[in-house]
Amino acid sequence: ASAGCAATGQCLSYANQEDILRFCAEEDLVLIADEVYQANIYIEGKEFFSFKKVASDLGLLQRVPLVSLHSISKGFIGECGRRGGYMEVTGFPADVKDQILKLASINLCPNLSGQICCTLMMNPPQPGDPSYDLYIQEKRAILGSLKRRAELLVAGLNQLEGVTCNPAEGALYAFPRITLPRRAIEEAARLGKQPDWLYCKELLVATGIVVVPGSGFGQAEGTFHFRTTFLPSEADIGRVVSSLGEFHAAFMERYRNKEPAGAVEDAPANGH
């Protein structure tokens, strides 16, 4: 589960998280919470809640085995090359935690720069610290830029024929739903592939833009999606959206059929 918006750019509500935790408690499941995008929220009224907090509020902290993940590679820090991250485990029996510690201990020591960056991420400058004002300024600049890029990308996607995309509430991704011509669906079947795979592959060949087929994430039957990102810089994102639009128009024209297929008429956008 992801409390911080991956992979569709949508944020789980507190009520969603309660439901997930209750389900895990009822079914004796381990919950692995990917919380690397906890700072990346762009919509007013949305807020990040850790699964650990929600579990504590529900009195389930010791009933649901929980693994909480965070990384310096994601979020607004984006220090991928530093290779730093951590997991916190709660609710596990002591003997299981001992085995997890043993497995971690027999590995080589994590790189020093990754450990330093993790420490800085978990203990950022506080009000009154010499670097606090600059830290807040840079954090707001990064998140503000990501929000503008997200809005530009989603607006561009929603202008395309047969494409609907929910606002990107957080993380670094959008997950548009696409309605494909019947001939495209038939061509994908001939190749033994999913229709959204065909779309993504042809997009890559034509433009160099890499997106991920929605079929790789699981989607409502009869619907097609792809996941894309708004990571290109503000100087480049407009060109990316333009190239995507030109490709989409050409793809739809090439495979056009009088009876488009590939979407369930009464299904909500993005399969939600």
Protein backbone atom coordinates (compact mmCIF):
# COMPACT_ATOMS: atom_id res chain seq x y z
CA ALA A 1 0.00 0.00 0.00
CA SER A 2 1.16 3.52 -0.65
CA ALA A 3 0.01 6.35 1.60
CA GLY A 4 1.93 8.84 -0.48
CA CYS A 5 0.32 8.60 -3.89
CA ALA A 6 2.28 6.09 -5.98
CA ALA A 7 1.60 4.77 -8.56
CA THR A 8 -1.43 6.64 -9.89
CA GLY A 9 -0.78 10.06 -8.35
CA GLN A 10 -3.77 9.67 -6.00
CA CYS A 11 -3.53 9.99 -2.21
CA LEU A 12 -5.10 7.51 0.17
CA SER A 13 -7.51 9.13 2.60
CA TYR A 14 -7.37 8.43 6.33
CA ALA A 15 -10.54 6.33 5.92
CA ASN A 16 -8.87 4.32 3.12
CA GLN A 17 -5.96 3.56 5.42
CA GLU A 18 -8.29 2.51 8.23
CA ASP A 19 -10.01 0.06 5.88
CA ILE A 20 -6.67 -1.39 4.74
CA LEU A 21 -5.46 -1.87 8.30
CA ARG A 22 -8.70 -3.51 9.43
CA PHE A 23 -8.53 -5.85 6.43
CA CYS A 24 -4.93 -6.79 7.28
CA ALA A 25 -5.94 -7.46 10.89
CA GLU A 26 -8.87 -9.65 9.82
CA GLU A 27 -6.82 -11.63 7.29
CA ASP A 28 -3.54 -11.82 9.28
CA LEU A 29 -1.60 -9.98 6.59
CA VAL A 30 1.70 -8.11 6.74
CA LEU A 31 1.32 -4.52 5.52
CA ILE A 32 4.24 -3.02 3.59
CA ALA A 33 3.72 0.75 3.40
CA ASP A 34 5.62 2.65 0.71
CA GLU A 35 5.76 6.17 2.17
CA VAL A 36 8.50 7.70 0.04
CA TYR A 37 6.19 10.43 -1.35
CA GLN A 38 4.89 11.69 1.97
CA ALA A 39 6.03 15.28 1.27
CA ASN A 40 4.77 15.34 -2.33
CA ILE A 41 1.16 16.45 -1.97
CA TYR A 42 -0.13 19.16 -4.29
CA ILE A 43 -3.87 19.33 -3.58
CA GLU A 44 -5.43 21.53 -0.90
CA GLY A 45 -7.20 19.49 1.76
CA LYS A 46 -5.04 16.41 1.28
CA GLU A 47 -2.70 15.35 4.06
CA PHE A 48 -0.19 12.56 4.63
CA PHE A 49 -0.83 10.14 7.48
CA SER A 50 1.65 7.37 8.15
CA PHE A 51 0.20 3.89 8.44
CA LYS A 52 1.95 3.66 11.80
CA LYS A 53 -0.07 6.62 13.11
CA VAL A 54 -3.35 5.25 11.76
CA ALA A 55 -2.60 1.80 13.20
CA SER A 56 -1.86 3.42 16.56
CA ASP A 57 -5.12 5.40 16.43
CA LEU A 58 -7.04 2.17 15.75
CA GLY A 59 -5.24 0.23 18.47
CA LEU A 60 -3.78 -2.11 15.84
CA LEU A 61 -0.10 -1.23 16.17
CA GLN A 62 0.75 -4.57 17.77
CA ARG A 63 -1.83 -6.59 15.81
CA VAL A 64 -0.83 -5.74 12.24
CA PRO A 65 2.78 -6.46 11.25
CA LEU A 66 3.82 -3.25 9.51
CA VAL A 67 6.88 -2.39 7.43
CA SER A 68 7.20 1.36 6.72
CA LEU A 69 9.55 2.36 3.89
CA HIS A 70 11.21 5.68 3.14
CA SER A 71 14.05 6.68 0.83
CA ILE A 72 16.19 9.66 -0.13
CA SER A 73 15.80 8.58 -3.77
CA LYS A 74 12.20 9.81 -4.00
CA GLY A 75 10.05 12.55 -2.51
CA PHE A 76 11.33 16.08 -3.03
CA ILE A 77 14.93 15.16 -2.14
CA GLY A 78 15.51 12.93 -5.17
CA GLU A 79 19.07 11.87 -4.29
CA CYS A 80 18.88 8.63 -6.28
CA GLY A 81 22.62 8.18 -6.66
CA ARG A 82 23.25 8.34 -2.91
CA ARG A 83 21.45 5.02 -2.33
CA GLY A 84 19.93 5.69 1.07
CA GLY A 85 16.73 4.40 2.64
CA TYR A 86 15.30 2.61 5.63
CA MET A 87 12.48 0.42 6.83
CA GLU A 88 10.82 0.45 10.24
CA VAL A 89 9.15 -2.76 11.39
CA THR A 90 6.42 -2.79 14.04
CA GLY A 91 3.98 -5.41 15.25
CA PHE A 92 6.28 -8.34 14.48
CA PRO A 93 7.05 -11.05 17.06
CA ALA A 94 10.43 -10.58 18.75
CA ASP A 95 11.92 -13.71 17.17
CA VAL A 96 10.97 -12.50 13.68
CA LYS A 97 12.52 -9.08 14.33
CA ASP A 98 15.66 -10.86 15.52
CA GLN A 99 15.89 -12.68 12.19
CA ILE A 100 15.36 -9.45 10.24
CA LEU A 101 18.18 -7.83 12.24
CA LYS A 102 20.41 -10.84 11.64
CA LEU A 103 19.83 -10.70 7.88
CA ALA A 104 20.58 -6.98 7.85
CA SER A 105 23.70 -7.45 9.97
CA ILE A 106 25.38 -9.98 7.68
CA ASN A 107 25.30 -7.54 4.75
CA LEU A 108 28.07 -5.06 4.10
CA CYS A 109 27.66 -1.68 5.75
CA PRO A 110 25.52 0.79 3.75
CA ASN A 111 27.46 3.55 2.01
CA LEU A 112 28.39 6.50 4.21
CA SER A 113 26.85 9.25 2.07
CA GLY A 114 23.52 7.40 1.98
CA GLN A 115 23.49 7.14 5.77
CA ILE A 116 24.28 10.84 6.13
CA CYS A 117 21.50 11.80 3.72
CA CYS A 118 18.99 9.59 5.54
CA THR A 119 19.91 11.30 8.80
CA LEU A 120 19.42 14.72 7.22
CA MET A 121 16.07 13.68 5.73
CA MET A 122 14.79 12.39 9.07
CA ASN A 123 16.16 15.37 11.00
CA PRO A 124 15.72 18.43 8.76
CA PRO A 125 16.65 21.96 9.89
CA GLN A 126 14.31 23.36 12.53
CA PRO A 127 13.14 26.96 13.11
CA GLY A 128 16.03 28.93 14.52
CA ASP A 129 18.71 26.79 12.85
CA PRO A 130 21.08 28.73 10.54
CA SER A 131 20.01 26.75 7.45
CA TYR A 132 16.26 26.59 8.18
CA ASP A 133 15.15 29.50 5.97
CA LEU A 134 17.17 28.29 2.98
CA TYR A 135 15.91 24.72 3.49
CA ILE A 136 12.27 25.83 3.48
CA GLN A 137 12.88 28.08 0.46
CA GLU A 138 14.40 25.24 -1.57
CA LYS A 139 11.78 22.70 -0.46
CA ARG A 140 8.93 25.02 -1.48
CA ALA A 141 10.62 25.78 -4.80
CA ILE A 142 10.99 22.08 -5.66
CA LEU A 143 7.45 21.14 -4.65
CA GLY A 144 6.00 24.24 -6.32
CA SER A 145 7.72 23.37 -9.58
CA LEU A 146 6.47 19.78 -9.41
CA LYS A 147 2.92 21.03 -8.85
CA ARG A 148 3.09 23.33 -11.89
CA ARG A 149 4.47 20.53 -14.05
CA ALA A 150 1.79 18.13 -12.81
CA GLU A 151 -0.96 20.60 -13.69
CA LEU A 152 0.49 21.22 -17.15
CA LEU A 153 0.78 17.49 -17.89
CA VAL A 154 -2.71 16.61 -16.67
CA ALA A 155 -4.25 19.52 -18.59
CA GLY A 156 -2.47 18.38 -21.76
CA LEU A 157 -3.59 14.77 -21.32
CA ASN A 158 -7.22 15.78 -20.82
CA GLN A 159 -7.17 17.60 -24.16
CA LEU A 160 -6.38 14.39 -26.06
CA GLU A 161 -9.07 12.40 -27.84
CA GLY A 162 -10.40 9.59 -25.66
CA VAL A 163 -8.12 10.40 -22.72
CA THR A 164 -9.23 11.28 -19.18
CA CYS A 165 -6.85 11.92 -16.31
CA ASN A 166 -7.52 12.71 -12.67
CA PRO A 167 -5.53 15.57 -11.12
CA ALA A 168 -2.15 14.45 -9.81
CA GLU A 169 -2.67 14.77 -6.07
CA GLY A 170 0.87 13.78 -5.18
CA ALA A 171 3.97 11.71 -5.92
CA LEU A 172 5.53 12.15 -9.38
CA TYR A 173 3.01 10.43 -11.64
CA ALA A 174 -0.20 10.72 -13.62
CA PHE A 175 -2.30 7.71 -14.61
CA PRO A 176 -4.49 8.62 -17.60
CA ARG A 177 -7.19 6.33 -18.92
CA ILE A 178 -7.20 5.90 -22.70
CA THR A 179 -9.95 4.69 -25.02
CA LEU A 180 -8.35 2.90 -27.95
CA PRO A 181 -9.71 2.18 -31.45
CA ARG A 182 -10.83 -1.38 -32.06
CA ARG A 183 -8.14 -1.91 -34.67
CA ALA A 184 -5.46 -1.10 -32.09
CA ILE A 185 -6.96 -3.65 -29.72
CA GLU A 186 -7.05 -6.25 -32.48
CA GLU A 187 -3.42 -5.52 -33.44
CA ALA A 188 -2.33 -5.97 -29.82
CA ALA A 189 -4.19 -9.30 -29.66
CA ARG A 190 -2.45 -10.41 -32.84
CA LEU A 191 0.90 -9.68 -31.18
CA GLY A 192 -0.13 -11.44 -27.97
CA LYS A 193 0.14 -8.18 -26.01
CA GLN A 194 -2.12 -5.88 -24.02
CA PRO A 195 -3.54 -2.90 -25.96
CA ASP A 196 -1.95 -0.35 -23.63
CA TRP A 197 1.41 -2.09 -24.16
CA LEU A 198 1.03 -1.49 -27.90
CA TYR A 199 0.30 2.20 -27.29
CA CYS A 200 3.29 2.63 -24.96
CA LYS A 201 5.66 0.76 -27.27
CA GLU A 202 4.69 2.83 -30.30
CA LEU A 203 4.99 6.02 -28.23
CA LEU A 204 8.54 5.05 -27.25
CA VAL A 205 9.56 4.26 -30.82
CA ALA A 206 8.02 7.44 -32.25
CA THR A 207 9.07 9.97 -29.60
CA GLY A 208 11.51 8.42 -27.13
CA ILE A 209 9.01 9.08 -24.33
CA VAL A 210 8.90 6.20 -21.83
CA VAL A 211 5.60 5.45 -20.09
CA VAL A 212 4.40 2.28 -18.34
CA PRO A 213 1.33 0.29 -19.45
CA GLY A 214 -1.48 0.34 -16.92
CA SER A 215 -1.90 -3.41 -17.38
CA GLY A 216 1.32 -3.80 -15.40
CA PHE A 217 -0.35 -2.33 -12.32
CA GLY A 218 -3.74 -3.99 -12.55
CA GLN A 219 -6.77 -2.14 -13.89
CA ALA A 220 -10.51 -2.62 -14.25
CA GLU A 221 -11.28 -5.13 -16.99
CA GLY A 222 -12.03 -3.45 -20.30
CA THR A 223 -10.11 -0.27 -19.43
CA PHE A 224 -6.66 0.83 -20.54
CA HIS A 225 -4.21 3.23 -18.90
CA PHE A 226 -0.58 4.23 -18.83
CA ARG A 227 1.53 5.75 -16.10
CA THR A 228 3.65 8.76 -16.90
CA THR A 229 5.68 11.23 -14.89
CA PHE A 230 6.05 14.99 -14.67
CA LEU A 231 9.75 14.82 -13.81
CA PRO A 232 10.98 16.60 -16.98
CA SER A 233 12.08 20.12 -16.12
CA GLU A 234 9.76 23.09 -16.49
CA ALA A 235 11.78 24.04 -19.56
CA ASP A 236 11.11 20.63 -21.14
CA ILE A 237 7.68 19.52 -19.91
CA GLY A 238 5.80 21.60 -22.50
CA ARG A 239 7.74 19.96 -25.33
CA VAL A 240 7.05 16.51 -23.86
CA VAL A 241 3.32 17.20 -23.67
CA SER A 242 3.33 18.53 -27.24
CA SER A 243 5.18 15.46 -28.56
CA LEU A 244 2.78 13.17 -26.72
CA GLY A 245 -0.19 15.00 -28.22
CA GLU A 246 1.17 14.75 -31.76
CA PHE A 247 1.84 11.04 -31.35
CA HIS A 248 -1.59 10.40 -29.86
CA ALA A 249 -3.38 12.11 -32.75
CA ALA A 250 -1.38 10.10 -35.29
CA PHE A 251 -1.94 6.82 -33.40
CA MET A 252 -5.69 7.35 -33.18
CA GLU A 253 -5.91 8.24 -36.86
CA ARG A 254 -3.87 5.21 -37.93
CA TYR A 255 -5.98 2.74 -35.98
CA ARG A 256 -9.28 4.56 -36.25
CA ASN A 257 -12.43 2.50 -36.46
CA LYS A 258 -16.05 3.61 -36.55
CA GLU A 259 -16.69 1.64 -33.35
CA PRO A 260 -14.00 2.51 -30.78
CA ALA A 261 -13.56 -0.02 -28.02
CA GLY A 262 -11.48 -0.51 -24.94
CA ALA A 263 -13.43 1.31 -22.26
CA VAL A 264 -16.41 0.36 -20.17
CA GLU A 265 -18.83 3.22 -20.63
CA ASP A 266 -19.98 3.44 -17.02
CA ALA A 267 -16.53 2.95 -15.43
CA PRO A 268 -15.10 6.03 -13.67
CA ALA A 269 -11.98 7.76 -14.95
CA ASN A 270 -8.72 5.96 -14.13
CA GLY A 271 -10.62 2.84 -13.15
CA HIS A 272 -11.32 4.17 -9.62
